[in-house]
C-alpha cells in the first residue's frame, strides 16, 4: 500500500477511486472501515467534529444518518456545508471530502431505518440526541416504552454530502507523501498534486 499514489494510477472519477480505497480497507479487515469524521461549523463559527458511519455512496454523494435535531443536525440546517475525513492508518491512507449537505429523501430514510436492528430503531425513537438527561435509567425507560415495530421518527434521517473537493493522501516512508486533490469543474473533475 505504501507504493504511493500517482496520477497515472488514480482513477479520473474520485468516486471510483474512493470505492477502490474503501474496498482495500474492508479487504484488510480494518475495524469500522466506514467510520468518518464529520466536521461542521457551530453557531459561533467554531469547528465541531465527531465520528459517524458512511452508509452509502450514491447520487453523487456520501450518505450518513442521524438525528436532525441533534447538535450536528442543527449546525447542518444553519450551514449546510461539511467536511468528512476517513483515516485508514494501517494502510497509511486518508481521504478528505468537502462539500454541501442535503437531506436524502424520506423514502430512503424510511428504507434505511427499517433495515436497522430493533434496538437501534428504538434508540433513535427514544433519544433526544445531544440533550441533557437526568440519568441512564431515564433513557432506558424511554426505550422500553417503544413498541416492537417503531416507525421512523420525523426527527431522524439521512444526509448526503455532495463534494466539491476530494483529497486522497497516501503515506510514504520518506514522508514525501502523495496528495491528489480532485475539484469539480464544468464537465468533470480536475486532478492536481499537492505538496505534502
C-alpha atoms as a PDB file:
ATOM      1  CA  UNK A   1       0.000   0.000   0.000  1.00  0.00           C
ATOM      2  CA  UNK A   2       2.952   2.307   0.588  1.00  0.00           C
ATOM      3  CA  UNK A   3       3.956   2.170  -3.071  1.00  0.00           C
ATOM      4  CA  UNK A   4       2.454   5.618  -3.492  1.00  0.00           C
ATOM      5  CA  UNK A   5      -0.345   7.196  -5.475  1.00  0.00           C
ATOM      6  CA  UNK A   6       0.444   8.510  -8.935  1.00  0.00           C
ATOM      7  CA  UNK A   7      -1.774  10.480 -11.264  1.00  0.00           C
ATOM      8  CA  UNK A   8      -1.413   7.629 -13.769  1.00  0.00           C
ATOM      9  CA  UNK A   9      -2.790   5.093 -11.280  1.00  0.00           C
ATOM     10  CA  UNK A  10      -5.549   7.296  -9.837  1.00  0.00           C
ATOM     11  CA  UNK A  11      -8.954   6.957 -11.471  1.00  0.00           C
ATOM     12  CA  UNK A  12     -10.301  10.080 -13.206  1.00  0.00           C
ATOM     13  CA  UNK A  13     -13.520   9.758 -11.159  1.00  0.00           C
ATOM     14  CA  UNK A  14     -12.917  10.338  -7.432  1.00  0.00           C
ATOM     15  CA  UNK A  15     -15.933   8.207  -6.517  1.00  0.00           C
ATOM     16  CA  UNK A  16     -14.347   5.229  -8.272  1.00  0.00           C
ATOM     17  CA  UNK A  17     -11.017   5.969  -6.578  1.00  0.00           C
ATOM     18  CA  UNK A  18     -12.763   6.197  -3.198  1.00  0.00           C
ATOM     19  CA  UNK A  19     -14.502   2.875  -3.852  1.00  0.00           C
ATOM     20  CA  UNK A  20     -11.153   1.234  -4.551  1.00  0.00           C
ATOM     21  CA  UNK A  21      -9.657   2.533  -1.312  1.00  0.00           C
ATOM     22  CA  UNK A  22     -12.709   1.630   0.769  1.00  0.00           C
ATOM     23  CA  UNK A  23     -12.575  -1.891  -0.679  1.00  0.00           C
ATOM     24  CA  UNK A  24      -8.891  -2.114   0.268  1.00  0.00           C
ATOM     25  CA  UNK A  25      -9.766  -1.077   3.835  1.00  0.00           C
ATOM     26  CA  UNK A  26     -12.578  -3.639   4.011  1.00  0.00           C
ATOM     27  CA  UNK A  27     -10.381  -6.357   2.489  1.00  0.00           C
ATOM     28  CA  UNK A  28      -7.739  -5.575   5.129  1.00  0.00           C
ATOM     29  CA  UNK A  29     -10.393  -6.228   7.821  1.00  0.00           C
ATOM     30  CA  UNK A  30      -9.856  -2.794   9.343  1.00  0.00           C
ATOM     31  CA  UNK A  31     -12.323  -2.171  12.180  1.00  0.00           C
ATOM     32  CA  UNK A  32     -15.047   0.304  11.255  1.00  0.00           C
ATOM     33  CA  UNK A  33     -13.597   0.980   7.811  1.00  0.00           C
ATOM     34  CA  UNK A  34     -16.707   3.088   7.108  1.00  0.00           C
ATOM     35  CA  UNK A  35     -16.125   5.382  10.119  1.00  0.00           C
ATOM     36  CA  UNK A  36     -15.544   9.003   9.171  1.00  0.00           C
ATOM     37  CA  UNK A  37     -15.067  12.265  10.993  1.00  0.00           C
ATOM     38  CA  UNK A  38     -17.854  14.718  10.205  1.00  0.00           C
ATOM     39  CA  UNK A  39     -16.799  18.336  10.736  1.00  0.00           C
ATOM     40  CA  UNK A  40     -19.411  21.079  10.893  1.00  0.00           C
ATOM     41  CA  UNK A  41     -19.468  24.739  11.955  1.00  0.00           C
ATOM     42  CA  UNK A  42     -21.154  25.791  15.202  1.00  0.00           C
ATOM     43  CA  UNK A  43     -23.347  28.868  15.527  1.00  0.00           C
ATOM     44  CA  UNK A  44     -20.432  30.891  16.919  1.00  0.00           C
ATOM     45  CA  UNK A  45     -18.212  29.886  13.989  1.00  0.00           C
ATOM     46  CA  UNK A  46     -16.199  27.325  15.956  1.00  0.00           C
ATOM     47  CA  UNK A  47     -15.395  23.973  14.332  1.00  0.00           C
ATOM     48  CA  UNK A  48     -17.162  20.887  15.671  1.00  0.00           C
ATOM     49  CA  UNK A  49     -16.386  17.269  14.807  1.00  0.00           C
ATOM     50  CA  UNK A  50     -17.489  13.727  15.629  1.00  0.00           C
ATOM     51  CA  UNK A  51     -17.383  10.236  14.118  1.00  0.00           C
ATOM     52  CA  UNK A  52     -20.320   8.960  12.051  1.00  0.00           C
ATOM     53  CA  UNK A  53     -20.673   5.943   9.762  1.00  0.00           C
ATOM     54  CA  UNK A  54     -20.804   6.060   5.987  1.00  0.00           C
ATOM     55  CA  UNK A  55     -23.906   4.171   4.852  1.00  0.00           C
ATOM     56  CA  UNK A  56     -23.639   4.622   1.109  1.00  0.00           C
ATOM     57  CA  UNK A  57     -22.085   6.425  -1.828  1.00  0.00           C
ATOM     58  CA  UNK A  58     -24.923   7.269  -4.185  1.00  0.00           C
ATOM     59  CA  UNK A  59     -26.448  10.053  -6.285  1.00  0.00           C
ATOM     60  CA  UNK A  60     -23.133  11.880  -6.350  1.00  0.00           C
ATOM     61  CA  UNK A  61     -22.653  11.968  -2.596  1.00  0.00           C
ATOM     62  CA  UNK A  62     -21.651  10.309   0.664  1.00  0.00           C
ATOM     63  CA  UNK A  63     -24.608   9.279   2.856  1.00  0.00           C
ATOM     64  CA  UNK A  64     -24.933   9.043   6.643  1.00  0.00           C
ATOM     65  CA  UNK A  65     -27.892   9.001   9.046  1.00  0.00           C
ATOM     66  CA  UNK A  66     -28.525  10.809  12.307  1.00  0.00           C
ATOM     67  CA  UNK A  67     -30.951  12.817  14.420  1.00  0.00           C
ATOM     68  CA  UNK A  68     -31.916  16.021  12.580  1.00  0.00           C
ATOM     69  CA  UNK A  69     -32.425  17.800  15.933  1.00  0.00           C
ATOM     70  CA  UNK A  70     -29.005  16.842  17.318  1.00  0.00           C
ATOM     71  CA  UNK A  71     -26.229  19.382  17.674  1.00  0.00           C
ATOM     72  CA  UNK A  72     -24.794  18.393  14.284  1.00  0.00           C
ATOM     73  CA  UNK A  73     -28.269  18.410  12.735  1.00  0.00           C
ATOM     74  CA  UNK A  74     -28.899  21.966  13.909  1.00  0.00           C
ATOM     75  CA  UNK A  75     -25.473  23.030  12.633  1.00  0.00           C
ATOM     76  CA  UNK A  76     -26.108  21.452   9.223  1.00  0.00           C
ATOM     77  CA  UNK A  77     -29.513  23.155   8.998  1.00  0.00           C
ATOM     78  CA  UNK A  78     -27.896  26.552   9.664  1.00  0.00           C
ATOM     79  CA  UNK A  79     -24.839  25.979   7.451  1.00  0.00           C
ATOM     80  CA  UNK A  80     -25.332  23.099   5.010  1.00  0.00           C
ATOM     81  CA  UNK A  81     -21.640  22.522   4.353  1.00  0.00           C
ATOM     82  CA  UNK A  82     -19.339  19.982   5.947  1.00  0.00           C
ATOM     83  CA  UNK A  83     -16.114  18.037   5.698  1.00  0.00           C
ATOM     84  CA  UNK A  84     -15.666  14.268   6.006  1.00  0.00           C
ATOM     85  CA  UNK A  85     -12.362  12.592   6.849  1.00  0.00           C
ATOM     86  CA  UNK A  86     -11.572   8.887   6.537  1.00  0.00           C
ATOM     87  CA  UNK A  87      -8.374   7.590   8.133  1.00  0.00           C
ATOM     88  CA  UNK A  88      -7.137   4.071   7.446  1.00  0.00           C
ATOM     89  CA  UNK A  89      -3.924   4.140   9.498  1.00  0.00           C
ATOM     90  CA  UNK A  90      -2.606   0.629   8.736  1.00  0.00           C
ATOM     91  CA  UNK A  91      -2.801   1.476   5.028  1.00  0.00           C
ATOM     92  CA  UNK A  92      -1.372   4.959   5.617  1.00  0.00           C
ATOM     93  CA  UNK A  93      -4.304   6.484   3.769  1.00  0.00           C
ATOM     94  CA  UNK A  94      -6.581   9.405   4.400  1.00  0.00           C
ATOM     95  CA  UNK A  95      -9.432  10.888   2.348  1.00  0.00           C
ATOM     96  CA  UNK A  96     -10.811  14.386   2.939  1.00  0.00           C
ATOM     97  CA  UNK A  97     -14.132  15.333   1.356  1.00  0.00           C
ATOM     98  CA  UNK A  98     -15.601  18.842   1.403  1.00  0.00           C
ATOM     99  CA  UNK A  99     -18.971  19.871   0.084  1.00  0.00           C
ATOM    100  CA  UNK A 100     -22.567  20.853   0.559  1.00  0.00           C
ATOM    101  CA  UNK A 101     -25.117  18.900   2.559  1.00  0.00           C
ATOM    102  CA  UNK A 102     -28.625  17.905   1.557  1.00  0.00           C
ATOM    103  CA  UNK A 103     -31.151  15.587   3.160  1.00  0.00           C
ATOM    104  CA  UNK A 104     -31.830  12.261   1.477  1.00  0.00           C
ATOM    105  CA  UNK A 105     -35.439  11.523   0.538  1.00  0.00           C
ATOM    106  CA  UNK A 106     -37.929  10.465   3.196  1.00  0.00           C
ATOM    107  CA  UNK A 107     -38.350   7.174   1.307  1.00  0.00           C
ATOM    108  CA  UNK A 108     -34.598   6.480   1.505  1.00  0.00           C
ATOM    109  CA  UNK A 109     -34.572   7.349   5.210  1.00  0.00           C
ATOM    110  CA  UNK A 110     -37.580   5.082   5.805  1.00  0.00           C
ATOM    111  CA  UNK A 111     -35.926   2.192   3.969  1.00  0.00           C
ATOM    112  CA  UNK A 112     -32.653   2.505   5.861  1.00  0.00           C
ATOM    113  CA  UNK A 113     -34.427   2.911   9.217  1.00  0.00           C
ATOM    114  CA  UNK A 114     -36.444  -0.272   8.575  1.00  0.00           C
ATOM    115  CA  UNK A 115     -33.212  -2.186   7.879  1.00  0.00           C
ATOM    116  CA  UNK A 116     -31.694  -1.334  11.269  1.00  0.00           C
ATOM    117  CA  UNK A 117     -31.780  -3.719  14.252  1.00  0.00           C
ATOM    118  CA  UNK A 118     -34.750  -3.221  16.590  1.00  0.00           C
ATOM    119  CA  UNK A 119     -32.557  -1.841  19.368  1.00  0.00           C
ATOM    120  CA  UNK A 120     -31.119   0.818  17.088  1.00  0.00           C
ATOM    121  CA  UNK A 121     -34.609   1.799  15.883  1.00  0.00           C
ATOM    122  CA  UNK A 122     -35.890   2.057  19.453  1.00  0.00           C
ATOM    123  CA  UNK A 123     -32.912   4.163  20.489  1.00  0.00           C
ATOM    124  CA  UNK A 124     -33.438   6.550  17.566  1.00  0.00           C
ATOM    125  CA  UNK A 125     -37.073   6.991  18.577  1.00  0.00           C
ATOM    126  CA  UNK A 126     -36.347   7.460  22.279  1.00  0.00           C
ATOM    127  CA  UNK A 127     -33.251   9.648  22.206  1.00  0.00           C
ATOM    128  CA  UNK A 128     -33.404  13.414  22.056  1.00  0.00           C
ATOM    129  CA  UNK A 129     -29.795  13.351  20.866  1.00  0.00           C
ATOM    130  CA  UNK A 130     -27.432  15.927  22.400  1.00  0.00           C
ATOM    131  CA  UNK A 131     -29.970  16.974  25.069  1.00  0.00           C
ATOM    132  CA  UNK A 132     -29.044  16.757  28.751  1.00  0.00           C
ATOM    133  CA  UNK A 133     -30.798  13.846  30.512  1.00  0.00           C
ATOM    134  CA  UNK A 134     -31.030  13.138  34.251  1.00  0.00           C
ATOM    135  CA  UNK A 135     -29.517   9.638  34.144  1.00  0.00           C
ATOM    136  CA  UNK A 136     -29.270   6.375  32.179  1.00  0.00           C
ATOM    137  CA  UNK A 137     -32.441   4.973  33.754  1.00  0.00           C
ATOM    138  CA  UNK A 138     -34.364   7.839  32.156  1.00  0.00           C
ATOM    139  CA  UNK A 139     -33.113   6.772  28.706  1.00  0.00           C
ATOM    140  CA  UNK A 140     -33.731   3.067  29.299  1.00  0.00           C
ATOM    141  CA  UNK A 141     -37.312   3.721  30.429  1.00  0.00           C
ATOM    142  CA  UNK A 142     -37.969   5.709  27.240  1.00  0.00           C
ATOM    143  CA  UNK A 143     -36.574   2.858  25.112  1.00  0.00           C
ATOM    144  CA  UNK A 144     -38.751   0.277  26.932  1.00  0.00           C
ATOM    145  CA  UNK A 145     -41.840   2.313  26.051  1.00  0.00           C
ATOM    146  CA  UNK A 146     -41.173   1.907  22.308  1.00  0.00           C
ATOM    147  CA  UNK A 147     -43.048  -0.928  20.589  1.00  0.00           C
ATOM    148  CA  UNK A 148     -41.682  -3.822  18.528  1.00  0.00           C
ATOM    149  CA  UNK A 149     -42.134  -2.181  15.122  1.00  0.00           C
ATOM    150  CA  UNK A 150     -41.390   1.523  15.510  1.00  0.00           C
ATOM    151  CA  UNK A 151     -41.780   3.837  12.530  1.00  0.00           C
ATOM    152  CA  UNK A 152     -39.005   6.236  11.639  1.00  0.00           C
ATOM    153  CA  UNK A 153     -39.430   9.380  13.714  1.00  0.00           C
ATOM    154  CA  UNK A 154     -39.618  12.654  11.787  1.00  0.00           C
ATOM    155  CA  UNK A 155     -36.520  13.910  13.614  1.00  0.00           C
ATOM    156  CA  UNK A 156     -34.286  11.126  12.247  1.00  0.00           C
ATOM    157  CA  UNK A 157     -32.991  10.575   8.725  1.00  0.00           C
ATOM    158  CA  UNK A 158     -30.192  10.792   6.220  1.00  0.00           C
ATOM    159  CA  UNK A 159     -27.865  13.397   4.825  1.00  0.00           C
ATOM    160  CA  UNK A 160     -25.843  13.341   1.638  1.00  0.00           C
ATOM    161  CA  UNK A 161     -22.607  15.304   1.297  1.00  0.00           C
ATOM    162  CA  UNK A 162     -22.130  16.308  -2.349  1.00  0.00           C
ATOM    163  CA  UNK A 163     -18.440  17.067  -2.733  1.00  0.00           C
ATOM    164  CA  UNK A 164     -16.690  19.922  -4.436  1.00  0.00           C
ATOM    165  CA  UNK A 165     -13.252  18.759  -3.283  1.00  0.00           C
ATOM    166  CA  UNK A 166     -11.878  15.293  -2.515  1.00  0.00           C
ATOM    167  CA  UNK A 167      -8.278  14.769  -1.453  1.00  0.00           C
ATOM    168  CA  UNK A 168      -6.531  11.400  -1.373  1.00  0.00           C
ATOM    169  CA  UNK A 169      -3.452  11.166   0.865  1.00  0.00           C
ATOM    170  CA  UNK A 170      -1.080   8.213   0.653  1.00  0.00           C
ATOM    171  CA  UNK A 171       1.723   7.964   3.179  1.00  0.00           C
ATOM    172  CA  UNK A 172       5.306   7.169   2.182  1.00  0.00           C
ATOM    173  CA  UNK A 173       8.203   6.051   4.368  1.00  0.00           C
ATOM    174  CA  UNK A 174      10.322   9.091   3.460  1.00  0.00           C
ATOM    175  CA  UNK A 175       7.424  11.405   4.438  1.00  0.00           C
ATOM    176  CA  UNK A 176       7.297  12.773   0.896  1.00  0.00           C
ATOM    177  CA  UNK A 177       3.659  11.714   0.900  1.00  0.00           C
ATOM    178  CA  UNK A 178       1.331  11.705  -2.113  1.00  0.00           C
ATOM    179  CA  UNK A 179      -1.642  14.072  -2.109  1.00  0.00           C
ATOM    180  CA  UNK A 180      -4.014  14.190  -5.064  1.00  0.00           C
ATOM    181  CA  UNK A 181      -6.791  16.778  -4.990  1.00  0.00           C
ATOM    182  CA  UNK A 182      -9.923  16.408  -7.132  1.00  0.00           C
ATOM    183  CA  UNK A 183     -12.027  19.551  -7.632  1.00  0.00           C
ATOM    184  CA  UNK A 184     -15.230  19.869  -9.597  1.00  0.00           C
ATOM    185  CA  UNK A 185     -15.062  21.686 -12.900  1.00  0.00           C
ATOM    186  CA  UNK A 186     -17.627  22.075 -15.685  1.00  0.00           C
ATOM    187  CA  UNK A 187     -17.718  18.714 -17.411  1.00  0.00           C
ATOM    188  CA  UNK A 188     -15.813  16.715 -14.817  1.00  0.00           C
ATOM    189  CA  UNK A 189     -13.112  16.645 -12.194  1.00  0.00           C
ATOM    190  CA  UNK A 190      -9.675  18.265 -12.214  1.00  0.00           C
ATOM    191  CA  UNK A 191      -6.794  16.434 -10.501  1.00  0.00           C
ATOM    192  CA  UNK A 192      -3.863  18.331  -9.023  1.00  0.00           C
ATOM    193  CA  UNK A 193      -0.909  17.191  -6.919  1.00  0.00           C
ATOM    194  CA  UNK A 194      -0.386  18.961  -3.600  1.00  0.00           C
ATOM    195  CA  UNK A 195       2.894  19.231  -1.740  1.00  0.00           C
ATOM    196  CA  UNK A 196       2.955  17.003   1.364  1.00  0.00           C
END
